[in-house]
PDB file of all heavy atoms in Angstrom:
ATOM      1  N   ARG A   1      43.488 -73.379-121.095  1.00  0.00           N
ATOM      2  CA  ARG A   1      44.695 -73.492-121.924  1.00  0.00           C
ATOM      3  C   ARG A   1      44.429 -74.389-123.131  1.00  0.00           C
ATOM      4  O   ARG A   1      43.768 -75.419-123.023  1.00  0.00           O
ATOM      5  CB  ARG A   1      45.841 -74.054-121.087  1.00  0.00           C
ATOM      6  CG  ARG A   1      46.405 -73.037-120.096  1.00  0.00           C
ATOM      7  CD  ARG A   1      47.485 -73.656-119.237  1.00  0.00           C
ATOM      8  NE  ARG A   1      46.886 -74.410-118.129  1.00  0.00           N
ATOM      9  CZ  ARG A   1      47.585 -75.141-117.280  1.00  0.00           C
ATOM     10  NH1 ARG A   1      48.899 -75.260-117.420  1.00  0.00           N
ATOM     11  NH2 ARG A   1      46.977 -75.776-116.293  1.00  0.00           N
ATOM     12  N   THR A   2      44.958 -73.968-124.262  1.00  0.00           N
ATOM     13  CA  THR A   2      44.807 -74.729-125.498  1.00  0.00           C
ATOM     14  C   THR A   2      45.933 -75.754-125.632  1.00  0.00           C
ATOM     15  O   THR A   2      46.952 -75.660-124.937  1.00  0.00           O
ATOM     16  CB  THR A   2      44.812 -73.788-126.711  1.00  0.00           C
ATOM     17  OG1 THR A   2      46.029 -73.012-126.695  1.00  0.00           O
ATOM     18  CG2 THR A   2      43.614 -72.846-126.673  1.00  0.00           C
ATOM     19  N   PRO A   3      45.772 -76.733-126.525  1.00  0.00           N
ATOM     20  CA  PRO A   3      46.819 -77.745-126.697  1.00  0.00           C
ATOM     21  C   PRO A   3      48.141 -77.150-127.171  1.00  0.00           C
ATOM     22  O   PRO A   3      48.173 -76.124-127.861  1.00  0.00           O
ATOM     23  CB  PRO A   3      46.217 -78.683-127.753  1.00  0.00           C
ATOM     24  CG  PRO A   3      44.749 -78.471-127.665  1.00  0.00           C
ATOM     25  CD  PRO A   3      44.570 -77.035-127.321  1.00  0.00           C
ATOM     26  N   THR A   4      49.224 -77.789-126.780  1.00  0.00           N
ATOM     27  CA  THR A   4      50.561 -77.426-127.229  1.00  0.00           C
ATOM     28  C   THR A   4      51.256 -78.687-127.735  1.00  0.00           C
ATOM     29  O   THR A   4      50.694 -79.784-127.697  1.00  0.00           O
ATOM     30  CB  THR A   4      51.380 -76.817-126.081  1.00  0.00           C
ATOM     31  OG1 THR A   4      51.585 -77.824-125.064  1.00  0.00           O
ATOM     32  CG2 THR A   4      50.656 -75.625-125.461  1.00  0.00           C
ATOM     33  N   ARG A   5      52.489 -78.542-128.192  1.00  0.00           N
ATOM     34  CA  ARG A   5      53.250 -79.725-128.627  1.00  0.00           C
ATOM     35  C   ARG A   5      53.505 -80.680-127.473  1.00  0.00           C
ATOM     36  O   ARG A   5      53.600 -81.900-127.667  1.00  0.00           O
ATOM     37  CB  ARG A   5      54.578 -79.287-129.240  1.00  0.00           C
ATOM     38  CG  ARG A   5      54.444 -78.548-130.569  1.00  0.00           C
ATOM     39  CD  ARG A   5      55.806 -78.214-131.142  1.00  0.00           C
ATOM     40  NE  ARG A   5      55.693 -77.521-132.421  1.00  0.00           N
ATOM     41  CZ  ARG A   5      56.724 -77.108-133.148  1.00  0.00           C
ATOM     42  NH1 ARG A   5      57.969 -77.325-132.700  1.00  0.00           N
ATOM     43  NH2 ARG A   5      56.532 -76.484-134.294  1.00  0.00           N
ATOM     44  N   GLN A   6      53.658 -80.134-126.272  1.00  0.00           N
ATOM     45  CA  GLN A   6      53.914 -80.977-125.101  1.00  0.00           C
ATOM     46  C   GLN A   6      52.629 -81.484-124.450  1.00  0.00           C
ATOM     47  O   GLN A   6      52.659 -82.474-123.724  1.00  0.00           O
ATOM     48  CB  GLN A   6      54.717 -80.189-124.058  1.00  0.00           C
ATOM     49  CG  GLN A   6      56.130 -79.813-124.474  1.00  0.00           C
ATOM     50  CD  GLN A   6      56.181 -78.675-125.476  1.00  0.00           C
ATOM     51  OE1 GLN A   6      55.307 -77.806-125.468  1.00  0.00           O
ATOM     52  NE2 GLN A   6      57.179 -78.674-126.343  1.00  0.00           N
ATOM     53  N   ARG A   7      51.495 -80.822-124.707  1.00  0.00           N
ATOM     54  CA  ARG A   7      50.234 -81.187-124.060  1.00  0.00           C
ATOM     55  C   ARG A   7      49.128 -81.220-125.107  1.00  0.00           C
ATOM     56  O   ARG A   7      48.668 -80.184-125.573  1.00  0.00           O
ATOM     57  CB  ARG A   7      49.895 -80.168-122.967  1.00  0.00           C
ATOM     58  CG  ARG A   7      48.652 -80.522-122.157  1.00  0.00           C
ATOM     59  CD  ARG A   7      48.242 -79.406-121.221  1.00  0.00           C
ATOM     60  NE  ARG A   7      47.822 -78.208-121.940  1.00  0.00           N
ATOM     61  CZ  ARG A   7      48.493 -77.086-121.976  1.00  0.00           C
ATOM     62  NH1 ARG A   7      49.638 -76.980-121.333  1.00  0.00           N
ATOM     63  NH2 ARG A   7      48.059 -76.044-122.662  1.00  0.00           N
ATOM     64  N   ALA A   8      48.720 -82.409-125.467  1.00  0.00           N
ATOM     65  CA  ALA A   8      47.763 -82.564-126.574  1.00  0.00           C
ATOM     66  C   ALA A   8      46.320 -82.557-126.089  1.00  0.00           C
ATOM     67  O   ALA A   8      45.517 -83.398-126.484  1.00  0.00           O
ATOM     68  CB  ALA A   8      48.051 -83.848-127.334  1.00  0.00           C
ATOM     69  N   HIS A   9      45.978 -81.606-125.222  1.00  0.00           N
ATOM     70  CA  HIS A   9      44.598 -81.502-124.776  1.00  0.00           C
ATOM     71  C   HIS A   9      44.325 -80.091-124.258  1.00  0.00           C
ATOM     72  O   HIS A   9      45.237 -79.340-123.907  1.00  0.00           O
ATOM     73  CB  HIS A   9      44.278 -82.529-123.685  1.00  0.00           C
ATOM     74  CG  HIS A   9      45.180 -82.441-122.488  1.00  0.00           C
ATOM     75  ND1 HIS A   9      46.369 -83.131-122.397  1.00  0.00           N
ATOM     76  CD2 HIS A   9      45.062 -81.754-121.310  1.00  0.00           C
ATOM     77  CE1 HIS A   9      46.950 -82.877-121.244  1.00  0.00           C
ATOM     78  NE2 HIS A   9      46.185 -82.032-120.568  1.00  0.00           N
ATOM     79  N   TYR A  10      43.032 -79.741-124.241  1.00  0.00           N
ATOM     80  CA  TYR A  10      42.596 -78.499-123.625  1.00  0.00           C
ATOM     81  C   TYR A  10      42.543 -78.686-122.112  1.00  0.00           C
ATOM     82  O   TYR A  10      42.283 -79.782-121.627  1.00  0.00           O
ATOM     83  CB  TYR A  10      41.193 -78.112-124.096  1.00  0.00           C
ATOM     84  CG  TYR A  10      41.055 -77.826-125.561  1.00  0.00           C
ATOM     85  CD1 TYR A  10      40.627 -78.818-126.451  1.00  0.00           C
ATOM     86  CD2 TYR A  10      41.308 -76.554-126.072  1.00  0.00           C
ATOM     87  CE1 TYR A  10      40.470 -78.556-127.809  1.00  0.00           C
ATOM     88  CE2 TYR A  10      41.151 -76.277-127.429  1.00  0.00           C
ATOM     89  CZ  TYR A  10      40.737 -77.282-128.286  1.00  0.00           C
ATOM     90  OH  TYR A  10      40.586 -77.016-129.620  1.00  0.00           O
ATOM     91  N   ILE A  11      42.759 -77.608-121.375  1.00  0.00           N
ATOM     92  CA  ILE A  11      42.537 -77.610-119.936  1.00  0.00           C
ATOM     93  C   ILE A  11      41.484 -76.561-119.633  1.00  0.00           C
ATOM     94  O   ILE A  11      41.722 -75.355-119.788  1.00  0.00           O
ATOM     95  CB  ILE A  11      43.819 -77.322-119.143  1.00  0.00           C
ATOM     96  CG1 ILE A  11      44.842 -78.431-119.389  1.00  0.00           C
ATOM     97  CG2 ILE A  11      43.506 -77.198-117.650  1.00  0.00           C
ATOM     98  CD1 ILE A  11      46.146 -78.243-118.632  1.00  0.00           C
ATOM     99  N   LEU A  12      40.301 -77.009-119.253  1.00  0.00           N
ATOM    100  CA  LEU A  12      39.204 -76.110-118.912  1.00  0.00           C
ATOM    101  C   LEU A  12      39.385 -75.715-117.456  1.00  0.00           C
ATOM    102  O   LEU A  12      39.103 -76.500-116.547  1.00  0.00           O
ATOM    103  CB  LEU A  12      37.860 -76.818-119.140  1.00  0.00           C
ATOM    104  CG  LEU A  12      36.603 -75.971-119.324  1.00  0.00           C
ATOM    105  CD1 LEU A  12      35.425 -76.862-119.676  1.00  0.00           C
ATOM    106  CD2 LEU A  12      36.271 -75.138-118.108  1.00  0.00           C
ATOM    107  N   GLY A  13      39.907 -74.476-117.246  1.00  0.00           N
ATOM    108  CA  GLY A  13      40.289 -74.066-115.904  1.00  0.00           C
ATOM    109  C   GLY A  13      39.312 -73.158-115.204  1.00  0.00           C
ATOM    110  O   GLY A  13      39.352 -73.033-113.976  1.00  0.00           O
ATOM    111  N   SER A  14      38.423 -72.480-115.954  1.00  0.00           N
ATOM    112  CA  SER A  14      37.450 -71.602-115.329  1.00  0.00           C
ATOM    113  C   SER A  14      36.283 -71.400-116.266  1.00  0.00           C
ATOM    114  O   SER A  14      36.363 -71.700-117.466  1.00  0.00           O
ATOM    115  CB  SER A  14      38.071 -70.239-114.961  1.00  0.00           C
ATOM    116  OG  SER A  14      38.495 -69.559-116.129  1.00  0.00           O
ATOM    117  N   CYS A  15      35.187 -70.878-115.739  1.00  0.00           N
ATOM    118  CA  CYS A  15      34.014 -70.622-116.566  1.00  0.00           C
ATOM    119  C   CYS A  15      33.243 -69.447-115.998  1.00  0.00           C
ATOM    120  O   CYS A  15      33.444 -69.051-114.846  1.00  0.00           O
ATOM    121  CB  CYS A  15      33.124 -71.860-116.684  1.00  0.00           C
ATOM    122  SG  CYS A  15      32.402 -72.400-115.124  1.00  0.00           S
ATOM    123  N   PHE A  16      32.396 -68.890-116.821  1.00  0.00           N
ATOM    124  CA  PHE A  16      31.607 -67.719-116.437  1.00  0.00           C
ATOM    125  C   PHE A  16      30.186 -67.931-116.891  1.00  0.00           C
ATOM    126  O   PHE A  16      29.920 -68.113-118.082  1.00  0.00           O
ATOM    127  CB  PHE A  16      32.190 -66.455-117.091  1.00  0.00           C
ATOM    128  CG  PHE A  16      31.330 -65.233-116.912  1.00  0.00           C
ATOM    129  CD1 PHE A  16      31.373 -64.505-115.738  1.00  0.00           C
ATOM    130  CD2 PHE A  16      30.474 -64.814-117.920  1.00  0.00           C
ATOM    131  CE1 PHE A  16      30.578 -63.378-115.569  1.00  0.00           C
ATOM    132  CE2 PHE A  16      29.680 -63.697-117.762  1.00  0.00           C
ATOM    133  CZ  PHE A  16      29.738 -62.975-116.582  1.00  0.00           C
ATOM    134  N   ASN A  17      29.233 -67.942-115.940  1.00  0.00           N
ATOM    135  CA  ASN A  17      27.828 -68.115-116.272  1.00  0.00           C
ATOM    136  C   ASN A  17      27.219 -66.781-116.660  1.00  0.00           C
ATOM    137  O   ASN A  17      27.346 -65.784-115.937  1.00  0.00           O
ATOM    138  CB  ASN A  17      27.072 -68.695-115.077  1.00  0.00           C
ATOM    139  CG  ASN A  17      25.622 -68.968-115.407  1.00  0.00           C
ATOM    140  OD1 ASN A  17      25.310 -69.664-116.359  1.00  0.00           O
ATOM    141  ND2 ASN A  17      24.724 -68.408-114.611  1.00  0.00           N
ATOM    142  N   CYS A  18      26.549 -66.723-117.805  1.00  0.00           N
ATOM    143  CA  CYS A  18      25.961 -65.481-118.302  1.00  0.00           C
ATOM    144  C   CYS A  18      24.593 -65.252-117.671  1.00  0.00           C
ATOM    145  O   CYS A  18      23.699 -66.094-117.798  1.00  0.00           O
ATOM    146  CB  CYS A  18      25.833 -65.522-119.823  1.00  0.00           C
ATOM    147  SG  CYS A  18      27.423 -65.552-120.666  1.00  0.00           S
ATOM    148  N   ALA A  19      24.443 -64.102-117.040  1.00  0.00           N
ATOM    149  CA  ALA A  19      23.171 -63.764-116.399  1.00  0.00           C
ATOM    150  C   ALA A  19      22.288 -62.913-117.297  1.00  0.00           C
ATOM    151  O   ALA A  19      21.061 -62.998-117.223  1.00  0.00           O
ATOM    152  CB  ALA A  19      23.434 -63.022-115.085  1.00  0.00           C
ATOM    153  N   ALA A  20      22.896 -62.064-118.133  1.00  0.00           N
ATOM    154  CA  ALA A  20      22.136 -61.138-118.977  1.00  0.00           C
ATOM    155  C   ALA A  20      21.765 -61.817-120.290  1.00  0.00           C
ATOM    156  O   ALA A  20      22.474 -61.724-121.288  1.00  0.00           O
ATOM    157  CB  ALA A  20      22.935 -59.866-119.243  1.00  0.00           C
ATOM    158  N   LEU A  21      20.651 -62.533-120.273  1.00  0.00           N
ATOM    159  CA  LEU A  21      20.170 -63.223-121.462  1.00  0.00           C
ATOM    160  C   LEU A  21      18.893 -62.554-121.953  1.00  0.00           C
ATOM    161  O   LEU A  21      18.027 -62.190-121.156  1.00  0.00           O
ATOM    162  CB  LEU A  21      19.899 -64.701-121.168  1.00  0.00           C
ATOM    163  CG  LEU A  21      21.098 -65.539-120.711  1.00  0.00           C
ATOM    164  CD1 LEU A  21      20.665 -66.969-120.453  1.00  0.00           C
ATOM    165  CD2 LEU A  21      22.223 -65.503-121.731  1.00  0.00           C
ATOM    166  N   SER A  22      18.800 -62.406-123.261  1.00  0.00           N
ATOM    167  CA  SER A  22      17.581 -61.818-123.831  1.00  0.00           C
ATOM    168  C   SER A  22      16.480 -62.854-123.976  1.00  0.00           C
ATOM    169  O   SER A  22      15.304 -62.507-124.093  1.00  0.00           O
ATOM    170  CB  SER A  22      17.898 -61.202-125.204  1.00  0.00           C
ATOM    171  OG  SER A  22      18.399 -62.190-126.099  1.00  0.00           O
ATOM    172  N   ARG A  23      16.851 -64.136-123.958  1.00  0.00           N
ATOM    173  CA  ARG A  23      15.859 -65.208-124.047  1.00  0.00           C
ATOM    174  C   ARG A  23      16.385 -66.417-123.302  1.00  0.00           C
ATOM    175  O   ARG A  23      17.546 -66.788-123.430  1.00  0.00           O
ATOM    176  CB  ARG A  23      15.575 -65.579-125.509  1.00  0.00           C
ATOM    177  CG  ARG A  23      14.491 -66.660-125.663  1.00  0.00           C
ATOM    178  CD  ARG A  23      14.124 -66.891-127.131  1.00  0.00           C
ATOM    179  NE  ARG A  23      15.178 -67.509-127.893  1.00  0.00           N
ATOM    180  CZ  ARG A  23      15.926 -66.902-128.790  1.00  0.00           C
ATOM    181  NH1 ARG A  23      15.766 -65.616-129.041  1.00  0.00           N
ATOM    182  NH2 ARG A  23      16.884 -67.547-129.456  1.00  0.00           N
ATOM    183  N   ARG A  24      15.531 -67.031-122.481  1.00  0.00           N
ATOM    184  CA  ARG A  24      15.901 -68.249-121.769  1.00  0.00           C
ATOM    185  C   ARG A  24      14.645 -69.095-121.620  1.00  0.00           C
ATOM    186  O   ARG A  24      13.706 -68.710-120.931  1.00  0.00           O
ATOM    187  CB  ARG A  24      16.478 -67.939-120.392  1.00  0.00           C
ATOM    188  CG  ARG A  24      17.093 -69.170-119.709  1.00  0.00           C
ATOM    189  CD  ARG A  24      17.245 -68.960-118.218  1.00  0.00           C
ATOM    190  NE  ARG A  24      18.108 -67.878-117.828  1.00  0.00           N
ATOM    191  CZ  ARG A  24      19.415 -67.982-117.616  1.00  0.00           C
ATOM    192  NH1 ARG A  24      20.009 -69.147-117.798  1.00  0.00           N
ATOM    193  NH2 ARG A  24      20.116 -66.927-117.227  1.00  0.00           N
ATOM    194  N   THR A  25      14.629 -70.266-122.277  1.00  0.00           N
ATOM    195  CA  THR A  25      13.503 -71.182-122.184  1.00  0.00           C
ATOM    196  C   THR A  25      14.044 -72.572-121.863  1.00  0.00           C
ATOM    197  O   THR A  25      15.229 -72.747-121.583  1.00  0.00           O
ATOM    198  CB  THR A  25      12.703 -71.222-123.502  1.00  0.00           C
ATOM    199  OG1 THR A  25      13.481 -71.896-124.518  1.00  0.00           O
ATOM    200  CG2 THR A  25      12.347 -69.824-123.978  1.00  0.00           C
ATOM    201  N   SER A  26      13.174 -73.574-121.932  1.00  0.00           N
ATOM    202  CA  SER A  26      13.601 -74.950-121.690  1.00  0.00           C
ATOM    203  C   SER A  26      14.330 -75.535-122.888  1.00  0.00           C
ATOM    204  O   SER A  26      14.867 -76.642-122.810  1.00  0.00           O
ATOM    205  CB  SER A  26      12.391 -75.829-121.346  1.00  0.00           C
ATOM    206  OG  SER A  26      11.485 -75.868-122.435  1.00  0.00           O
ATOM    207  N   THR A  27      14.371 -74.816-124.009  1.00  0.00           N
ATOM    208  CA  THR A  27      15.027 -75.354-125.212  1.00  0.00           C
ATOM    209  C   THR A  27      16.017 -74.388-125.849  1.00  0.00           C
ATOM    210  O   THR A  27      16.810 -74.803-126.682  1.00  0.00           O
ATOM    211  CB  THR A  27      13.977 -75.730-126.280  1.00  0.00           C
ATOM    212  OG1 THR A  27      13.186 -74.577-126.602  1.00  0.00           O
ATOM    213  CG2 THR A  27      13.073 -76.847-125.786  1.00  0.00           C
TER     214      THR A  27
END
């Protein structure tokens, strides 16, 4: 959820890890 007038902060409620990467290294 993004900030509103009543709530001045983001709420990070879920996430999705990406498996299909064309490149993945240590950097």
